[in-house]
Amino acid sequence: MNLNSIGLLGATGAVGREMIRLLEEYELPIRELRPLASRRSAGTQIPFRGALLPVREATEEAFRGLDFVLGAVEAEQSRHFAPMIRAAGAIYIDNSSAFRLEPEVPLVVPEINGADAFGHRGVIANPNCSTVIALMACAPIARLSPIRHISACTYQAVSGAGQAGLEELERELRAHAEGESAEPRVFPAPIAMNLIPMIGSLTENGYTDEEMKMQNEGRRILHAPELLVNCSCVRVPVLRSHAIALTVETADEVSPEEARAAIRSFPGVRLALDEAGRDWPTPLDTTGGDPVWVGRIRRDYTRANSLSLFCCGDQIRKGAAANAVQILRLLTE
């Protein structure tokens, strides 16, 4: 499949800019990169391979002649532009939540279910950032025995809310250092020196839509339609990289030693013990990189066939931009 002309929808946002850096970092053989964004961002210049590329307004005409489009926009915008992208004959790799649960749209993490990407009908979905990071840690174990149940608690960085989230934490930290107060604008409570156990919108079952994503998306990615996930999502005062505590129940017993061996041989995952000489990862360990780090692997002595572990991953890279670019690379290689 040709990798000649690539469009990037949402090129001026945090994830879009990261995608551009990754296209350059991965040295993909791209003939043309076409940055696209809203009318107010048109004319902005973005660096790529030593040149400055002008951002074009995203219109129906702007997608013509493209082979692929990487999407880094919100779900509503993605639904608006997807028909135009398909009509132009391009394949759309979408980072939003718009199509993740559509049966005809593959939901892909290349290391886990990369083959699903080749069954696309013009659109491929990128999973939620916490789902990607958690499943990268769990997938090596699933290769040893099917996973029946996951208990998860996420500790999500403020950059998960975009640039505004980063600015909110920095503003509140400055105010705290100066003995002043700062009213929250992005999050429902102050985030500096605090935790917020609420991410997303509440659903009828009492969980938020962010918490339900790990089960709903995990079933598709792991090809496990009966998978059960109990998830709590917490916003923490960390700039970048999500951390997740997991307990995984498998159909058959898997020892911690077997899990470590499986993780060592699984692409895109690292043992913290191997990388840092300690058996626990931190958000700072993974910031700016693609691998998901895993540690604290131990038996859950309260439940049969269960392991507990702790993982960290950069949600802007592997949780979003890198996963999308890796799908692109998979389709062309």
C-alpha atoms as a PDB file:
ATOM      1  CA  MET A   1       0.000   0.000   0.000  1.00  0.00           C
ATOM      2  CA  ASN A   2       1.446   3.358  -1.025  1.00  0.00           C
ATOM      3  CA  LEU A   3       2.613   5.864   1.562  1.00  0.00           C
ATOM      4  CA  ASN A   4       2.845   8.905  -0.678  1.00  0.00           C
ATOM      5  CA  SER A   5       0.577  11.645   0.622  1.00  0.00           C
ATOM      6  CA  ILE A   6      -0.455  11.870   4.275  1.00  0.00           C
ATOM      7  CA  GLY A   7      -2.985  14.294   5.702  1.00  0.00           C
ATOM      8  CA  LEU A   8      -2.991  15.197   9.378  1.00  0.00           C
ATOM      9  CA  LEU A   9      -6.348  16.449  10.639  1.00  0.00           C
ATOM     10  CA  GLY A  10      -5.900  18.479  13.823  1.00  0.00           C
ATOM     11  CA  ALA A  11      -2.249  19.210  13.095  1.00  0.00           C
ATOM     12  CA  THR A  12      -1.916  22.123  15.525  1.00  0.00           C
ATOM     13  CA  GLY A  13      -3.091  20.267  18.657  1.00  0.00           C
ATOM     14  CA  ALA A  14      -0.870  18.417  21.138  1.00  0.00           C
ATOM     15  CA  VAL A  15      -1.546  14.969  19.645  1.00  0.00           C
ATOM     16  CA  GLY A  16      -1.340  16.253  16.077  1.00  0.00           C
ATOM     17  CA  ARG A  17       2.047  17.854  16.667  1.00  0.00           C
ATOM     18  CA  GLU A  18       3.261  14.654  18.318  1.00  0.00           C
ATOM     19  CA  MET A  19       2.129  12.686  15.262  1.00  0.00           C
ATOM     20  CA  ILE A  20       4.217  14.972  13.043  1.00  0.00           C
ATOM     21  CA  ARG A  21       7.274  14.460  15.253  1.00  0.00           C
ATOM     22  CA  LEU A  22       6.756  10.698  15.085  1.00  0.00           C
ATOM     23  CA  LEU A  23       6.381  10.653  11.306  1.00  0.00           C
ATOM     24  CA  GLU A  24       9.782  12.288  11.190  1.00  0.00           C
ATOM     25  CA  GLU A  25      11.280  10.144  13.961  1.00  0.00           C
ATOM     26  CA  TYR A  26      10.133   6.875  12.377  1.00  0.00           C
ATOM     27  CA  GLU A  27      11.595   7.993   9.018  1.00  0.00           C
ATOM     28  CA  LEU A  28       8.547   6.876   7.057  1.00  0.00           C
ATOM     29  CA  PRO A  29       8.909   7.353   3.274  1.00  0.00           C
ATOM     30  CA  ILE A  30       6.379  10.162   2.896  1.00  0.00           C
ATOM     31  CA  ARG A  31       6.334  12.231  -0.284  1.00  0.00           C
ATOM     32  CA  GLU A  32       3.860  14.819   1.006  1.00  0.00           C
ATOM     33  CA  LEU A  33       2.615  15.730   4.478  1.00  0.00           C
ATOM     34  CA  ARG A  34      -0.474  17.939   4.434  1.00  0.00           C
ATOM     35  CA  PRO A  35      -1.259  19.531   7.848  1.00  0.00           C
ATOM     36  CA  LEU A  36      -4.968  20.342   8.226  1.00  0.00           C
ATOM     37  CA  ALA A  37      -6.827  22.202  10.954  1.00  0.00           C
ATOM     38  CA  SER A  38      -9.617  24.707  11.574  1.00  0.00           C
ATOM     39  CA  ARG A  39      -9.951  27.958   9.654  1.00  0.00           C
ATOM     40  CA  ARG A  40      -8.469  29.980  12.520  1.00  0.00           C
ATOM     41  CA  SER A  41      -5.301  27.819  12.463  1.00  0.00           C
ATOM     42  CA  ALA A  42      -4.886  27.965   8.686  1.00  0.00           C
ATOM     43  CA  GLY A  43      -1.604  29.572   7.721  1.00  0.00           C
ATOM     44  CA  THR A  44       0.218  28.403  10.836  1.00  0.00           C
ATOM     45  CA  GLN A  45       3.564  26.886   9.949  1.00  0.00           C
ATOM     46  CA  ILE A  46       4.678  23.528  11.350  1.00  0.00           C
ATOM     47  CA  PRO A  47       8.263  22.203  11.111  1.00  0.00           C
ATOM     48  CA  PHE A  48       8.800  18.888   9.330  1.00  0.00           C
ATOM     49  CA  ARG A  49      12.095  17.504   8.014  1.00  0.00           C
ATOM     50  CA  GLY A  50      13.830  20.851   8.018  1.00  0.00           C
ATOM     51  CA  ALA A  51      11.016  22.725   6.293  1.00  0.00           C
ATOM     52  CA  LEU A  52       8.028  24.752   7.482  1.00  0.00           C
ATOM     53  CA  LEU A  53       4.717  23.379   6.234  1.00  0.00           C
ATOM     54  CA  PRO A  54       1.698  25.709   6.081  1.00  0.00           C
ATOM     55  CA  VAL A  55      -1.468  24.450   7.747  1.00  0.00           C
ATOM     56  CA  ARG A  56      -4.458  24.277   5.405  1.00  0.00           C
ATOM     57  CA  GLU A  57      -8.095  24.621   6.408  1.00  0.00           C
ATOM     58  CA  ALA A  58      -9.780  21.207   6.617  1.00  0.00           C
ATOM     59  CA  THR A  59     -12.315  21.186   3.796  1.00  0.00           C
ATOM     60  CA  GLU A  60     -13.639  18.525   1.439  1.00  0.00           C
ATOM     61  CA  GLU A  61     -11.220  19.731  -1.233  1.00  0.00           C
ATOM     62  CA  ALA A  62      -8.241  19.471   1.143  1.00  0.00           C
ATOM     63  CA  PHE A  63      -8.496  15.664   1.370  1.00  0.00           C
ATOM     64  CA  ARG A  64      -8.244  15.011  -2.350  1.00  0.00           C
ATOM     65  CA  GLY A  65      -5.109  13.188  -3.493  1.00  0.00           C
ATOM     66  CA  LEU A  66      -4.277  11.825  -0.049  1.00  0.00           C
ATOM     67  CA  ASP A  67      -3.530   8.150   0.617  1.00  0.00           C
ATOM     68  CA  PHE A  68      -4.022   8.299   4.406  1.00  0.00           C
ATOM     69  CA  VAL A  69      -5.362  10.783   6.940  1.00  0.00           C
ATOM     70  CA  LEU A  70      -4.359  10.711  10.592  1.00  0.00           C
ATOM     71  CA  GLY A  71      -7.064  12.208  12.804  1.00  0.00           C
ATOM     72  CA  ALA A  72      -6.314  14.155  15.982  1.00  0.00           C
ATOM     73  CA  VAL A  73      -9.636  15.949  16.482  1.00  0.00           C
ATOM     74  CA  GLU A  74     -12.642  15.509  18.761  1.00  0.00           C
ATOM     75  CA  ALA A  75     -15.317  12.894  18.014  1.00  0.00           C
ATOM     76  CA  GLU A  76     -17.865  15.346  16.614  1.00  0.00           C
ATOM     77  CA  GLN A  77     -15.356  16.751  14.128  1.00  0.00           C
ATOM     78  CA  SER A  78     -14.204  13.263  13.232  1.00  0.00           C
ATOM     79  CA  ARG A  79     -17.738  12.169  12.356  1.00  0.00           C
ATOM     80  CA  HIS A  80     -18.087  15.293  10.223  1.00  0.00           C
ATOM     81  CA  PHE A  81     -14.917  14.777   8.201  1.00  0.00           C
ATOM     82  CA  ALA A  82     -14.830  10.971   7.920  1.00  0.00           C
ATOM     83  CA  PRO A  83     -17.271  10.766   4.958  1.00  0.00           C
ATOM     84  CA  MET A  84     -15.232  13.388   3.088  1.00  0.00           C
ATOM     85  CA  ILE A  85     -12.008  11.463   3.710  1.00  0.00           C
ATOM     86  CA  ARG A  86     -13.507   8.195   2.504  1.00  0.00           C
ATOM     87  CA  ALA A  87     -15.043   9.893  -0.538  1.00  0.00           C
ATOM     88  CA  ALA A  88     -11.568  11.201  -1.419  1.00  0.00           C
ATOM     89  CA  GLY A  89     -10.296   7.599  -1.434  1.00  0.00           C
ATOM     90  CA  ALA A  90      -8.055   7.972   1.621  1.00  0.00           C
ATOM     91  CA  ILE A  91      -7.846   5.641   4.630  1.00  0.00           C
ATOM     92  CA  TYR A  92      -8.715   7.409   7.876  1.00  0.00           C
ATOM     93  CA  ILE A  93      -6.878   6.463  11.110  1.00  0.00           C
ATOM     94  CA  ASP A  94      -8.914   8.198  13.802  1.00  0.00           C
ATOM     95  CA  ASN A  95      -7.715   8.974  17.323  1.00  0.00           C
ATOM     96  CA  SER A  96     -11.126  10.089  18.632  1.00  0.00           C
ATOM     97  CA  SER A  97     -13.855   8.001  20.259  1.00  0.00           C
ATOM     98  CA  ALA A  98     -16.195   8.447  17.283  1.00  0.00           C
ATOM     99  CA  PHE A  99     -15.876   4.981  15.722  1.00  0.00           C
ATOM    100  CA  ARG A 100     -14.247   2.805  18.398  1.00  0.00           C
ATOM    101  CA  LEU A 101     -17.296   0.657  19.040  1.00  0.00           C
ATOM    102  CA  GLU A 102     -18.566   0.499  15.445  1.00  0.00           C
ATOM    103  CA  PRO A 103     -18.523  -3.226  14.462  1.00  0.00           C
ATOM    104  CA  GLU A 104     -17.252  -2.551  10.940  1.00  0.00           C
ATOM    105  CA  VAL A 105     -14.391  -0.304  12.137  1.00  0.00           C
ATOM    106  CA  PRO A 106     -11.266  -2.121  13.382  1.00  0.00           C
ATOM    107  CA  LEU A 107     -10.044  -0.948  16.798  1.00  0.00           C
ATOM    108  CA  VAL A 108      -6.330  -1.609  16.722  1.00  0.00           C
ATOM    109  CA  VAL A 109      -3.223  -1.801  18.862  1.00  0.00           C
ATOM    110  CA  PRO A 110      -0.660  -3.097  16.344  1.00  0.00           C
ATOM    111  CA  GLU A 111       1.283  -5.292  18.776  1.00  0.00           C
ATOM    112  CA  ILE A 112      -1.918  -6.973  20.006  1.00  0.00           C
ATOM    113  CA  ASN A 113      -4.386  -7.245  17.119  1.00  0.00           C
ATOM    114  CA  GLY A 114      -2.584  -5.702  14.174  1.00  0.00           C
ATOM    115  CA  ALA A 115      -4.164  -8.140  11.701  1.00  0.00           C
ATOM    116  CA  ASP A 116      -7.560  -6.520  12.381  1.00  0.00           C
ATOM    117  CA  ALA A 117      -6.376  -3.337  10.657  1.00  0.00           C
ATOM    118  CA  PHE A 118      -6.401  -5.055   7.263  1.00  0.00           C
ATOM    119  CA  GLY A 119     -10.156  -5.658   7.501  1.00  0.00           C
ATOM    120  CA  HIS A 120     -10.931  -1.949   7.387  1.00  0.00           C
ATOM    121  CA  ARG A 121     -13.524  -0.283   5.156  1.00  0.00           C
ATOM    122  CA  GLY A 122     -11.766   3.047   5.005  1.00  0.00           C
ATOM    123  CA  VAL A 123     -11.693   3.861   8.729  1.00  0.00           C
ATOM    124  CA  ILE A 124      -9.501   2.452  11.525  1.00  0.00           C
ATOM    125  CA  ALA A 125      -9.950   3.537  15.149  1.00  0.00           C
ATOM    126  CA  ASN A 126      -7.272   4.244  17.738  1.00  0.00           C
ATOM    127  CA  PRO A 127      -8.279   3.120  21.271  1.00  0.00           C
ATOM    128  CA  ASN A 128      -8.535   5.266  24.382  1.00  0.00           C
ATOM    129  CA  CYS A 129      -5.145   6.095  25.895  1.00  0.00           C
ATOM    130  CA  SER A 130      -5.671   4.213  29.182  1.00  0.00           C
ATOM    131  CA  THR A 131      -7.024   1.212  27.300  1.00  0.00           C
ATOM    132  CA  VAL A 132      -3.896   1.050  25.127  1.00  0.00           C
ATOM    133  CA  ILE A 133      -1.511   1.309  28.071  1.00  0.00           C
ATOM    134  CA  ALA A 134      -3.370  -1.229  30.223  1.00  0.00           C
ATOM    135  CA  LEU A 135      -3.805  -3.765  27.431  1.00  0.00           C
ATOM    136  CA  MET A 136      -0.167  -3.519  26.386  1.00  0.00           C
ATOM    137  CA  ALA A 137       0.677  -4.672  29.911  1.00  0.00           C
ATOM    138  CA  CYS A 138      -2.013  -7.370  29.912  1.00  0.00           C
ATOM    139  CA  ALA A 139      -1.606  -8.745  26.381  1.00  0.00           C
ATOM    140  CA  PRO A 140       1.538 -10.797  27.105  1.00  0.00           C
ATOM    141  CA  ILE A 141      -0.353 -12.506  29.931  1.00  0.00           C
ATOM    142  CA  ALA A 142      -3.365 -13.098  27.660  1.00  0.00           C
ATOM    143  CA  ARG A 143      -1.046 -15.017  25.312  1.00  0.00           C
ATOM    144  CA  LEU A 144      -0.411 -17.473  28.161  1.00  0.00           C
ATOM    145  CA  SER A 145      -4.053 -17.818  29.247  1.00  0.00           C
ATOM    146  CA  PRO A 146      -7.278 -15.981  28.295  1.00  0.00           C
ATOM    147  CA  ILE A 147      -8.106 -13.071  30.585  1.00  0.00           C
ATOM    148  CA  ARG A 148     -11.513 -13.252  32.247  1.00  0.00           C
ATOM    149  CA  HIS A 149     -11.508 -10.227  34.538  1.00  0.00           C
ATOM    150  CA  ILE A 150      -9.478  -7.047  35.044  1.00  0.00           C
ATOM    151  CA  SER A 151      -9.615  -4.679  38.010  1.00  0.00           C
ATOM    152  CA  ALA A 152      -8.021  -1.365  37.110  1.00  0.00           C
ATOM    153  CA  CYS A 153      -7.330   1.952  38.782  1.00  0.00           C
ATOM    154  CA  THR A 154      -5.879   4.599  36.491  1.00  0.00           C
ATOM    155  CA  TYR A 155      -3.793   7.567  37.609  1.00  0.00           C
ATOM    156  CA  GLN A 156      -4.121   9.891  34.636  1.00  0.00           C
ATOM    157  CA  ALA A 157      -1.872  12.862  33.880  1.00  0.00           C
ATOM    158  CA  VAL A 158      -3.343  16.306  33.275  1.00  0.00           C
ATOM    159  CA  SER A 159      -2.132  16.272  29.658  1.00  0.00           C
ATOM    160  CA  GLY A 160      -4.930  13.779  29.035  1.00  0.00           C
ATOM    161  CA  ALA A 161      -7.122  16.891  29.005  1.00  0.00           C
ATOM    162  CA  GLY A 162      -4.909  18.549  26.388  1.00  0.00           C
ATOM    163  CA  GLN A 163      -2.816  21.678  26.586  1.00  0.00           C
ATOM    164  CA  ALA A 164      -5.430  23.338  28.779  1.00  0.00           C
ATOM    165  CA  GLY A 165      -4.932  20.628  31.399  1.00  0.00           C
ATOM    166  CA  LEU A 166      -1.188  21.229  31.489  1.00  0.00           C
ATOM    167  CA  GLU A 167      -1.698  24.957  31.819  1.00  0.00           C
ATOM    168  CA  GLU A 168      -4.225  24.486  34.632  1.00  0.00           C
ATOM    169  CA  LEU A 169      -1.818  22.440  36.769  1.00  0.00           C
ATOM    170  CA  GLU A 170       1.070  24.850  36.171  1.00  0.00           C
ATOM    171  CA  ARG A 171      -1.122  27.858  36.986  1.00  0.00           C
ATOM    172  CA  GLU A 172      -2.381  26.291  40.212  1.00  0.00           C
ATOM    173  CA  LEU A 173       1.135  25.245  41.277  1.00  0.00           C
ATOM    174  CA  ARG A 174       2.387  28.818  40.807  1.00  0.00           C
ATOM    175  CA  ALA A 175      -0.534  30.135  42.827  1.00  0.00           C
ATOM    176  CA  HIS A 176       0.117  27.591  45.593  1.00  0.00           C
ATOM    177  CA  ALA A 177       3.809  28.553  45.748  1.00  0.00           C
ATOM    178  CA  GLU A 178       2.802  32.199  46.150  1.00  0.00           C
ATOM    179  CA  GLY A 179       0.252  31.440  48.853  1.00  0.00           C
ATOM    180  CA  GLU A 180      -2.673  32.289  46.609  1.00  0.00           C
ATOM    181  CA  SER A 181      -5.701  30.344  45.412  1.00  0.00           C
ATOM    182  CA  ALA A 182      -6.622  29.567  41.814  1.00  0.00           C
ATOM    183  CA  GLU A 183     -10.106  28.672  40.657  1.00  0.00           C
ATOM    184  CA  PRO A 184     -10.220  25.510  38.490  1.00  0.00           C
ATOM    185  CA  ARG A 185     -11.239  26.114  34.876  1.00  0.00           C
ATOM    186  CA  VAL A 186     -10.608  22.768  33.189  1.00  0.00           C
ATOM    187  CA  PHE A 187     -11.092  20.202  35.946  1.00  0.00           C
ATOM    188  CA  PRO A 188     -14.065  19.972  38.346  1.00  0.00           C
ATOM    189  CA  ALA A 189     -11.805  20.648  41.374  1.00  0.00           C
ATOM    190  CA  PRO A 190      -8.288  21.965  41.970  1.00  0.00           C
ATOM    191  CA  ILE A 191      -5.715  19.485  40.644  1.00  0.00           C
ATOM    192  CA  ALA A 192      -2.524  20.882  42.196  1.00  0.00           C
ATOM    193  CA  MET A 193      -1.688  18.996  45.413  1.00  0.00           C
ATOM    194  CA  ASN A 194      -4.890  17.012  44.870  1.00  0.00           C
ATOM    195  CA  LEU A 195      -6.548  13.990  43.231  1.00  0.00           C
ATOM    196  CA  ILE A 196      -9.854  13.948  41.354  1.00  0.00           C
ATOM    197  CA  PRO A 197     -11.590  10.538  41.220  1.00  0.00           C
ATOM    198  CA  MET A 198     -13.845  11.551  38.336  1.00  0.00           C
ATOM    199  CA  ILE A 199     -12.885  11.537  34.647  1.00  0.00           C
ATOM    200  CA  GLY A 200     -15.586  11.628  31.996  1.00  0.00           C
ATOM    201  CA  SER A 201     -19.353  11.663  32.290  1.00  0.00           C
ATOM    202  CA  LEU A 202     -21.405   9.430  34.568  1.00  0.00           C
ATOM    203  CA  THR A 203     -23.382   6.635  32.919  1.00  0.00           C
ATOM    204  CA  GLU A 204     -26.504   4.896  34.211  1.00  0.00           C
ATOM    205  CA  ASN A 205     -24.492   2.195  36.013  1.00  0.00           C
ATOM    206  CA  GLY A 206     -22.598   4.716  38.154  1.00  0.00           C
ATOM    207  CA  TYR A 207     -19.335   4.391  36.221  1.00  0.00           C
ATOM    208  CA  THR A 208     -18.060   7.117  33.924  1.00  0.00           C
ATOM    209  CA  ASP A 209     -17.795   6.685  30.170  1.00  0.00           C
ATOM    210  CA  GLU A 210     -13.992   6.884  30.590  1.00  0.00           C
ATOM    211  CA  GLU A 211     -14.114   3.938  33.000  1.00  0.00           C
ATOM    212  CA  MET A 212     -16.327   1.849  30.721  1.00  0.00           C
ATOM    213  CA  LYS A 213     -13.976   2.283  27.765  1.00  0.00           C
ATOM    214  CA  MET A 214     -11.496  -0.238  29.139  1.00  0.00           C
ATOM    215  CA  GLN A 215     -14.096  -3.017  29.115  1.00  0.00           C
ATOM    216  CA  ASN A 216     -15.891  -2.048  25.909  1.00  0.00           C
ATOM    217  CA  GLU A 217     -12.716  -1.453  23.929  1.00  0.00           C
ATOM    218  CA  GLY A 218     -10.763  -4.237  25.632  1.00  0.00           C
ATOM    219  CA  ARG A 219     -13.282  -6.829  24.473  1.00  0.00           C
ATOM    220  CA  ARG A 220     -12.707  -5.845  20.853  1.00  0.00           C
ATOM    221  CA  ILE A 221      -8.925  -5.576  21.006  1.00  0.00           C
ATOM    222  CA  LEU A 222      -8.353  -8.841  22.907  1.00  0.00           C
ATOM    223  CA  HIS A 223     -11.121 -10.656  20.965  1.00  0.00           C
ATOM    224  CA  ALA A 224     -12.664 -11.465  24.355  1.00  0.00           C
ATOM    225  CA  PRO A 225     -16.405 -10.628  24.164  1.00  0.00           C
ATOM    226  CA  GLU A 226     -17.050 -11.846  27.732  1.00  0.00           C
ATOM    227  CA  LEU A 227     -14.209  -9.850  29.327  1.00  0.00           C
ATOM    228  CA  LEU A 228     -15.241  -8.050  32.522  1.00  0.00           C
ATOM    229  CA  VAL A 229     -13.423  -4.913  33.689  1.00  0.00           C
ATOM    230  CA  ASN A 230     -13.957  -2.958  36.902  1.00  0.00           C
ATOM    231  CA  CYS A 231     -12.235   0.400  36.410  1.00  0.00           C
ATOM    232  CA  SER A 232     -11.817   3.575  38.461  1.00  0.00           C
ATOM    233  CA  CYS A 233     -10.224   6.591  36.778  1.00  0.00           C
ATOM    234  CA  VAL A 234      -8.375   9.214  38.823  1.00  0.00           C
ATOM    235  CA  ARG A 235      -6.834  12.478  37.621  1.00  0.00           C
ATOM    236  CA  VAL A 236      -3.486  13.146  39.317  1.00  0.00           C
ATOM    237  CA  PRO A 237      -1.149  16.188  39.362  1.00  0.00           C
ATOM    238  CA  VAL A 238       1.329  14.655  36.901  1.00  0.00           C
ATOM    239  CA  LEU A 239       2.143  16.478  33.674  1.00  0.00           C
ATOM    240  CA  ARG A 240       2.466  13.532  31.306  1.00  0.00           C
ATOM    241  CA  SER A 241       2.206   9.701  31.243  1.00  0.00           C
ATOM    242  CA  HIS A 242      -0.570   7.652  32.803  1.00  0.00           C
ATOM    243  CA  ALA A 243      -0.030   5.020  35.486  1.00  0.00           C
ATOM    244  CA  ILE A 244      -2.400   2.082  36.011  1.00  0.00           C
ATOM    245  CA  ALA A 245      -2.721  -0.493  38.792  1.00  0.00           C
ATOM    246  CA  LEU A 246      -4.120  -3.780  37.447  1.00  0.00           C
ATOM    247  CA  THR A 247      -5.265  -7.119  38.784  1.00  0.00           C
ATOM    248  CA  VAL A 248      -5.747  -9.685  36.025  1.00  0.00           C
ATOM    249  CA  GLU A 249      -7.676 -12.956  36.409  1.00  0.00           C
ATOM    250  CA  THR A 250      -6.872 -15.628  33.833  1.00  0.00           C
ATOM    251  CA  ALA A 251      -8.598 -18.880  32.911  1.00  0.00           C
ATOM    252  CA  ASP A 252      -5.545 -20.879  34.018  1.00  0.00           C
ATOM    253  CA  GLU A 253      -2.886 -20.112  36.573  1.00  0.00           C
ATOM    254  CA  VAL A 254      -0.003 -17.935  35.369  1.00  0.00           C
ATOM    255  CA  SER A 255       2.967 -17.476  37.686  1.00  0.00           C
ATOM    256  CA  PRO A 256       4.718 -14.115  38.139  1.00  0.00           C
ATOM    257  CA  GLU A 257       7.823 -15.670  36.597  1.00  0.00           C
ATOM    258  CA  GLU A 258       5.876 -16.751  33.500  1.00  0.00           C
ATOM    259  CA  ALA A 259       4.319 -13.290  33.225  1.00  0.00           C
ATOM    260  CA  ARG A 260       7.734 -11.590  33.402  1.00  0.00           C
ATOM    261  CA  ALA A 261       9.114 -13.878  30.692  1.00  0.00           C
ATOM    262  CA  ALA A 262       6.127 -13.158  28.453  1.00  0.00           C
ATOM    263  CA  ILE A 263       6.491  -9.404  28.951  1.00  0.00           C
ATOM    264  CA  ARG A 264      10.212  -9.536  28.124  1.00  0.00           C
ATOM    265  CA  SER A 265       9.450 -11.098  24.761  1.00  0.00           C
ATOM    266  CA  PHE A 266       6.439  -8.913  23.863  1.00  0.00           C
ATOM    267  CA  PRO A 267       7.073  -5.963  21.525  1.00  0.00           C
ATOM    268  CA  GLY A 268       6.457  -2.514  22.943  1.00  0.00           C
ATOM    269  CA  VAL A 269       6.530  -3.561  26.611  1.00  0.00           C
ATOM    270  CA  ARG A 270       9.426  -3.363  29.079  1.00  0.00           C
ATOM    271  CA  LEU A 271      10.017  -4.642  32.589  1.00  0.00           C
ATOM    272  CA  ALA A 272      10.895  -1.784  34.905  1.00  0.00           C
ATOM    273  CA  LEU A 273      13.409  -4.077  36.596  1.00  0.00           C
ATOM    274  CA  ASP A 274      15.302  -4.447  33.317  1.00  0.00           C
ATOM    275  CA  GLU A 275      15.160  -0.762  32.401  1.00  0.00           C
ATOM    276  CA  ALA A 276      15.674   0.971  35.742  1.00  0.00           C
ATOM    277  CA  GLY A 277      17.012  -1.729  38.059  1.00  0.00           C
ATOM    278  CA  ARG A 278      13.919  -1.462  40.265  1.00  0.00           C
ATOM    279  CA  ASP A 279      10.672  -3.368  40.113  1.00  0.00           C
ATOM    280  CA  TRP A 280       8.361  -0.386  39.713  1.00  0.00           C
ATOM    281  CA  PRO A 281       7.840   2.124  36.912  1.00  0.00           C
ATOM    282  CA  THR A 282       6.919   5.796  37.235  1.00  0.00           C
ATOM    283  CA  PRO A 283       5.351   8.266  34.807  1.00  0.00           C
ATOM    284  CA  LEU A 284       8.690  10.043  34.415  1.00  0.00           C
ATOM    285  CA  ASP A 285      10.291   6.783  33.264  1.00  0.00           C
ATOM    286  CA  THR A 286       7.988   6.566  30.264  1.00  0.00           C
ATOM    287  CA  THR A 287       7.511  10.236  29.346  1.00  0.00           C
ATOM    288  CA  GLY A 288       8.678  10.875  25.784  1.00  0.00           C
ATOM    289  CA  GLY A 289       8.913   7.204  24.825  1.00  0.00           C
ATOM    290  CA  ASP A 290       6.708   4.561  23.223  1.00  0.00           C
ATOM    291  CA  PRO A 291       7.214   1.456  25.417  1.00  0.00           C
ATOM    292  CA  VAL A 292       4.856   0.679  28.284  1.00  0.00           C
ATOM    293  CA  TRP A 293       6.782  -0.212  31.438  1.00  0.00           C
ATOM    294  CA  VAL A 294       5.491  -2.886  33.823  1.00  0.00           C
ATOM    295  CA  GLY A 295       6.456  -3.806  37.383  1.00  0.00           C
ATOM    296  CA  ARG A 296       5.182  -4.964  40.796  1.00  0.00           C
ATOM    297  CA  ILE A 297       4.105  -8.295  39.249  1.00  0.00           C
ATOM    298  CA  ARG A 298       2.837 -10.501  42.067  1.00  0.00           C
ATOM    299  CA  ARG A 299       0.173 -13.057  42.852  1.00  0.00           C
ATOM    300  CA  ASP A 300      -3.163 -11.811  44.128  1.00  0.00           C
ATOM    301  CA  TYR A 301      -3.417 -14.024  47.194  1.00  0.00           C
ATOM    302  CA  THR A 302      -7.141 -13.153  47.607  1.00  0.00           C
ATOM    303  CA  ARG A 303      -8.271 -14.554  44.257  1.00  0.00           C
ATOM    304  CA  ALA A 304      -7.481 -17.662  42.214  1.00  0.00           C
ATOM    305  CA  ASN A 305      -5.522 -17.404  38.946  1.00  0.00           C
ATOM    306  CA  SER A 306      -4.861 -13.695  39.447  1.00  0.00           C
ATOM    307  CA  LEU A 307      -1.843 -11.423  39.163  1.00  0.00           C
ATOM    308  CA  SER A 308      -1.458  -7.808  40.255  1.00  0.00           C
ATOM    309  CA  LEU A 309       0.866  -5.397  38.467  1.00  0.00           C
ATOM    310  CA  PHE A 310       1.586  -1.724  37.870  1.00  0.00           C
ATOM    311  CA  CYS A 311       2.242  -0.099  34.487  1.00  0.00           C
ATOM    312  CA  CYS A 312       3.055   3.327  33.067  1.00  0.00           C
ATOM    313  CA  GLY A 313       2.945   4.718  29.540  1.00  0.00           C
ATOM    314  CA  ASP A 314       3.101   8.056  27.766  1.00  0.00           C
ATOM    315  CA  GLN A 315      -0.518   8.671  26.823  1.00  0.00           C
ATOM    316  CA  ILE A 316       0.349  11.248  24.166  1.00  0.00           C
ATOM    317  CA  ARG A 317       2.735   8.832  22.425  1.00  0.00           C
ATOM    318  CA  LYS A 318       1.729   5.166  22.771  1.00  0.00           C
ATOM    319  CA  GLY A 319      -1.669   6.126  24.161  1.00  0.00           C
ATOM    320  CA  ALA A 320      -2.484   8.260  21.126  1.00  0.00           C
ATOM    321  CA  ALA A 321      -0.051   9.581  18.490  1.00  0.00           C
ATOM    322  CA  ALA A 322       2.433   6.697  18.356  1.00  0.00           C
ATOM    323  CA  ASN A 323      -0.247   4.030  18.175  1.00  0.00           C
ATOM    324  CA  ALA A 324      -1.890   5.797  15.226  1.00  0.00           C
ATOM    325  CA  VAL A 325       1.404   6.228  13.368  1.00  0.00           C
ATOM    326  CA  GLN A 326       2.259   2.592  14.087  1.00  0.00           C
ATOM    327  CA  ILE A 327      -1.045   1.558  12.472  1.00  0.00           C
ATOM    328  CA  LEU A 328      -0.040   3.625   9.455  1.00  0.00           C
ATOM    329  CA  ARG A 329       3.362   1.930   9.371  1.00  0.00           C
ATOM    330  CA  LEU A 330       1.764  -1.499   9.742  1.00  0.00           C
ATOM    331  CA  LEU A 331      -0.522  -0.952   6.747  1.00  0.00           C
ATOM    332  CA  THR A 332       2.332   0.160   4.528  1.00  0.00           C
ATOM    333  CA  GLU A 333       4.947  -2.403   5.562  1.00  0.00           C
END
